[in-house]
Amino acid sequence: MLQTIDGRKITTVCHKADFDALVRKLGNQKADAIRQFLDREIDHIPPEKKTGHRTFSATALGRELTPWPEPLSFLYQQSKESFGQIAAKEPEIEARAALWFGLFVWEVIIRRPETWIFYDPNLRTVDPERDPVGKVYFETAQES
């Protein structure tokens, strides 16, 4: 389960239409491989000694996984293909793949049985119309 720092439950991936289109282009087999890979990565994050809970930054996790190992390489390949005949520069391809990586992290966290809170330093609680974007995820005690 995923929620914002102010307790709002998140049940869908932001940019859902774009994410759903990406999943269709990748196909279920590749999308599921990415999900399983991310679940394993999250499972292997050691808990903090003080709290017994895990914390991770999606950006830092992504950097640790560069260059893109399979199945994450599917995101890079799809990003490259999405530019079509446009001569996209490497930073543009990487940026789009990284965005998609973040959306997959978001989805995987939503599906997990633990309760996670995310912090987005750019999100202000006074702007309820803005879609939050996960940056740092904190595992917390289960809700009762």
C-alpha atoms as a PDB file:
ATOM      1  CA  MET A   1       0.000   0.000   0.000  1.00  0.00           C
ATOM      2  CA  LEU A   2       1.165   3.519  -0.775  1.00  0.00           C
ATOM      3  CA  GLN A   3       0.153   6.774   0.804  1.00  0.00           C
ATOM      4  CA  THR A   4       1.307  10.363   0.926  1.00  0.00           C
ATOM      5  CA  ILE A   5       3.037  11.784   3.958  1.00  0.00           C
ATOM      6  CA  ASP A   6      -0.263  13.439   4.933  1.00  0.00           C
ATOM      7  CA  GLY A   7      -2.086  10.069   4.873  1.00  0.00           C
ATOM      8  CA  ARG A   8      -3.789  10.189   1.468  1.00  0.00           C
ATOM      9  CA  LYS A   9      -3.953   6.684  -0.012  1.00  0.00           C
ATOM     10  CA  ILE A  10      -2.567   6.276  -3.516  1.00  0.00           C
ATOM     11  CA  THR A  11      -4.309   3.535  -5.485  1.00  0.00           C
ATOM     12  CA  THR A  12      -3.288   4.284  -9.069  1.00  0.00           C
ATOM     13  CA  VAL A  13      -0.113   5.201 -10.860  1.00  0.00           C
ATOM     14  CA  CYS A  14       0.181   8.854 -11.813  1.00  0.00           C
ATOM     15  CA  HIS A  15       0.127   9.484 -15.566  1.00  0.00           C
ATOM     16  CA  LYS A  16      -2.017   6.344 -15.713  1.00  0.00           C
ATOM     17  CA  ALA A  17      -3.028   6.644 -19.381  1.00  0.00           C
ATOM     18  CA  ASP A  18       0.620   6.992 -20.430  1.00  0.00           C
ATOM     19  CA  PHE A  19       1.654   4.163 -18.128  1.00  0.00           C
ATOM     20  CA  ASP A  20      -1.084   1.874 -19.442  1.00  0.00           C
ATOM     21  CA  ALA A  21      -0.023   2.654 -23.022  1.00  0.00           C
ATOM     22  CA  LEU A  22       3.573   1.788 -22.127  1.00  0.00           C
ATOM     23  CA  VAL A  23       2.514  -1.525 -20.567  1.00  0.00           C
ATOM     24  CA  ARG A  24       0.534  -2.387 -23.720  1.00  0.00           C
ATOM     25  CA  LYS A  25       3.568  -1.618 -25.905  1.00  0.00           C
ATOM     26  CA  LEU A  26       5.868  -3.681 -23.707  1.00  0.00           C
ATOM     27  CA  GLY A  27       3.413  -6.561 -23.448  1.00  0.00           C
ATOM     28  CA  ASN A  28       2.454  -8.438 -20.308  1.00  0.00           C
ATOM     29  CA  GLN A  29       5.518 -10.677 -20.272  1.00  0.00           C
ATOM     30  CA  LYS A  30       8.046  -7.809 -20.262  1.00  0.00           C
ATOM     31  CA  ALA A  31       5.963  -5.655 -17.907  1.00  0.00           C
ATOM     32  CA  ASP A  32       5.624  -8.538 -15.441  1.00  0.00           C
ATOM     33  CA  ALA A  33       9.362  -9.218 -15.651  1.00  0.00           C
ATOM     34  CA  ILE A  34      10.034  -5.573 -14.712  1.00  0.00           C
ATOM     35  CA  ARG A  35       7.570  -5.784 -11.806  1.00  0.00           C
ATOM     36  CA  GLN A  36       9.134  -8.985 -10.483  1.00  0.00           C
ATOM     37  CA  PHE A  37      12.630  -7.536 -10.798  1.00  0.00           C
ATOM     38  CA  LEU A  38      11.646  -4.431  -8.830  1.00  0.00           C
ATOM     39  CA  ASP A  39       9.899  -6.514  -6.169  1.00  0.00           C
ATOM     40  CA  ARG A  40      13.109  -8.496  -5.683  1.00  0.00           C
ATOM     41  CA  GLU A  41      15.182  -5.296  -5.497  1.00  0.00           C
ATOM     42  CA  ILE A  42      12.861  -3.859  -2.851  1.00  0.00           C
ATOM     43  CA  ASP A  43      12.877  -7.151  -0.938  1.00  0.00           C
ATOM     44  CA  HIS A  44      16.673  -6.940  -0.763  1.00  0.00           C
ATOM     45  CA  ILE A  45      16.810  -3.430   0.678  1.00  0.00           C
ATOM     46  CA  PRO A  46      18.035  -3.922   4.230  1.00  0.00           C
ATOM     47  CA  PRO A  47      15.888  -2.472   7.005  1.00  0.00           C
ATOM     48  CA  GLU A  48      17.283   0.359   9.058  1.00  0.00           C
ATOM     49  CA  LYS A  49      18.599  -0.839  12.406  1.00  0.00           C
ATOM     50  CA  LYS A  50      16.785   1.829  14.388  1.00  0.00           C
ATOM     51  CA  THR A  51      13.302   1.438  12.868  1.00  0.00           C
ATOM     52  CA  GLY A  52      13.350  -2.040  11.355  1.00  0.00           C
ATOM     53  CA  HIS A  53      11.825  -0.546   8.208  1.00  0.00           C
ATOM     54  CA  ARG A  54      13.218   0.079   4.755  1.00  0.00           C
ATOM     55  CA  THR A  55      13.767   3.421   3.053  1.00  0.00           C
ATOM     56  CA  PHE A  56      14.800   4.003  -0.505  1.00  0.00           C
ATOM     57  CA  SER A  57      15.016   6.684  -3.127  1.00  0.00           C
ATOM     58  CA  ALA A  58      13.679   5.700  -6.531  1.00  0.00           C
ATOM     59  CA  THR A  59      16.334   7.917  -8.119  1.00  0.00           C
ATOM     60  CA  ALA A  60      19.169   6.334  -6.155  1.00  0.00           C
ATOM     61  CA  LEU A  61      17.840   2.840  -6.842  1.00  0.00           C
ATOM     62  CA  GLY A  62      17.711   3.653 -10.547  1.00  0.00           C
ATOM     63  CA  ARG A  63      21.295   4.918 -10.499  1.00  0.00           C
ATOM     64  CA  GLU A  64      22.428   1.680  -8.856  1.00  0.00           C
ATOM     65  CA  LEU A  65      20.840  -0.234 -11.728  1.00  0.00           C
ATOM     66  CA  THR A  66      22.617   1.679 -14.497  1.00  0.00           C
ATOM     67  CA  PRO A  67      23.514   0.531 -17.084  1.00  0.00           C
ATOM     68  CA  TRP A  68      20.009  -0.847 -17.567  1.00  0.00           C
ATOM     69  CA  PRO A  69      20.085  -4.575 -16.732  1.00  0.00           C
ATOM     70  CA  GLU A  70      17.471  -6.846 -18.236  1.00  0.00           C
ATOM     71  CA  PRO A  71      14.500  -6.580 -17.760  1.00  0.00           C
ATOM     72  CA  LEU A  72      14.882  -2.832 -17.096  1.00  0.00           C
ATOM     73  CA  SER A  73      16.602  -2.585 -20.457  1.00  0.00           C
ATOM     74  CA  PHE A  74      13.129  -3.070 -21.967  1.00  0.00           C
ATOM     75  CA  LEU A  75      12.311   0.441 -20.701  1.00  0.00           C
ATOM     76  CA  TYR A  76      15.394   1.898 -22.351  1.00  0.00           C
ATOM     77  CA  GLN A  77      14.669   0.084 -25.627  1.00  0.00           C
ATOM     78  CA  GLN A  78      11.031   1.200 -25.599  1.00  0.00           C
ATOM     79  CA  SER A  79      12.108   4.773 -24.888  1.00  0.00           C
ATOM     80  CA  LYS A  80      14.479   4.693 -27.842  1.00  0.00           C
ATOM     81  CA  GLU A  81      11.730   3.258 -30.073  1.00  0.00           C
ATOM     82  CA  SER A  82       9.219   5.843 -28.857  1.00  0.00           C
ATOM     83  CA  PHE A  83      11.243   8.628 -30.430  1.00  0.00           C
ATOM     84  CA  GLY A  84      10.854   6.912 -33.806  1.00  0.00           C
ATOM     85  CA  GLN A  85      12.727   8.600 -36.612  1.00  0.00           C
ATOM     86  CA  ILE A  86      13.510  11.630 -34.456  1.00  0.00           C
ATOM     87  CA  ALA A  87      17.210  11.796 -33.719  1.00  0.00           C
ATOM     88  CA  ALA A  88      16.824  11.763 -29.955  1.00  0.00           C
ATOM     89  CA  LYS A  89      19.866  12.440 -27.859  1.00  0.00           C
ATOM     90  CA  GLU A  90      20.968   9.932 -25.248  1.00  0.00           C
ATOM     91  CA  PRO A  91      19.930  12.136 -22.280  1.00  0.00           C
ATOM     92  CA  GLU A  92      16.385  12.354 -23.696  1.00  0.00           C
ATOM     93  CA  ILE A  93      16.160   8.595 -24.111  1.00  0.00           C
ATOM     94  CA  GLU A  94      17.528   8.048 -20.590  1.00  0.00           C
ATOM     95  CA  ALA A  95      15.152  10.630 -19.100  1.00  0.00           C
ATOM     96  CA  ARG A  96      12.067   8.997 -20.605  1.00  0.00           C
ATOM     97  CA  ALA A  97      13.209   5.521 -19.542  1.00  0.00           C
ATOM     98  CA  ALA A  98      13.892   6.857 -16.032  1.00  0.00           C
ATOM     99  CA  LEU A  99      10.401   8.353 -15.838  1.00  0.00           C
ATOM    100  CA  TRP A 100       8.920   5.007 -16.834  1.00  0.00           C
ATOM    101  CA  PHE A 101      11.130   3.269 -14.288  1.00  0.00           C
ATOM    102  CA  GLY A 102       9.690   5.564 -11.618  1.00  0.00           C
ATOM    103  CA  LEU A 103       6.151   4.730 -12.689  1.00  0.00           C
ATOM    104  CA  PHE A 104       6.876   1.015 -12.417  1.00  0.00           C
ATOM    105  CA  VAL A 105       8.363   1.563  -8.937  1.00  0.00           C
ATOM    106  CA  TRP A 106       5.194   3.449  -8.006  1.00  0.00           C
ATOM    107  CA  GLU A 107       2.970   0.615  -9.261  1.00  0.00           C
ATOM    108  CA  VAL A 108       5.005  -2.088  -7.523  1.00  0.00           C
ATOM    109  CA  ILE A 109       4.869  -0.219  -4.208  1.00  0.00           C
ATOM    110  CA  ILE A 110       1.072   0.188  -4.517  1.00  0.00           C
ATOM    111  CA  ARG A 111       0.725  -3.584  -4.959  1.00  0.00           C
ATOM    112  CA  ARG A 112       2.981  -4.575  -2.075  1.00  0.00           C
ATOM    113  CA  PRO A 113       1.479  -5.760   1.228  1.00  0.00           C
ATOM    114  CA  GLU A 114       3.554  -3.378   3.379  1.00  0.00           C
ATOM    115  CA  THR A 115       2.502   0.201   4.005  1.00  0.00           C
ATOM    116  CA  TRP A 116       4.785   2.729   2.342  1.00  0.00           C
ATOM    117  CA  ILE A 117       4.770   6.492   2.592  1.00  0.00           C
ATOM    118  CA  PHE A 118       6.484   8.577  -0.001  1.00  0.00           C
ATOM    119  CA  TYR A 119       7.939  12.009   0.222  1.00  0.00           C
ATOM    120  CA  ASP A 120       8.089  14.373  -2.710  1.00  0.00           C
ATOM    121  CA  PRO A 121       9.960  17.550  -1.785  1.00  0.00           C
ATOM    122  CA  ASN A 122       8.133  19.348  -4.618  1.00  0.00           C
ATOM    123  CA  LEU A 123       4.653  18.464  -3.323  1.00  0.00           C
ATOM    124  CA  ARG A 124       2.878  20.960  -1.155  1.00  0.00           C
ATOM    125  CA  THR A 125      -0.182  19.823   0.738  1.00  0.00           C
ATOM    126  CA  VAL A 126      -1.816  23.171  -0.110  1.00  0.00           C
ATOM    127  CA  ASP A 127      -2.075  22.040  -3.751  1.00  0.00           C
ATOM    128  CA  PRO A 128      -4.460  19.057  -3.664  1.00  0.00           C
ATOM    129  CA  GLU A 129      -4.911  19.113  -7.456  1.00  0.00           C
ATOM    130  CA  ARG A 130      -1.259  18.378  -8.195  1.00  0.00           C
ATOM    131  CA  ASP A 131      -0.361  14.761  -8.897  1.00  0.00           C
ATOM    132  CA  PRO A 132       2.255  13.625  -6.404  1.00  0.00           C
ATOM    133  CA  VAL A 133       5.400  12.080  -7.778  1.00  0.00           C
ATOM    134  CA  GLY A 134       7.208   9.631  -5.534  1.00  0.00           C
ATOM    135  CA  LYS A 135      10.804  10.379  -4.747  1.00  0.00           C
ATOM    136  CA  VAL A 136      11.686   8.739  -1.454  1.00  0.00           C
ATOM    137  CA  TYR A 137       9.721   5.800  -0.074  1.00  0.00           C
ATOM    138  CA  PHE A 138       9.533   4.942   3.621  1.00  0.00           C
ATOM    139  CA  GLU A 139       8.190   1.637   4.866  1.00  0.00           C
ATOM    140  CA  THR A 140       6.066   2.205   7.936  1.00  0.00           C
ATOM    141  CA  ALA A 141       4.070   0.221  10.469  1.00  0.00           C
ATOM    142  CA  GLN A 142       1.056  -1.583   9.043  1.00  0.00           C
ATOM    143  CA  GLU A 143      -2.282   0.120   9.426  1.00  0.00           C
ATOM    144  CA  SER A 144      -4.663  -1.653  11.747  1.00  0.00           C
END
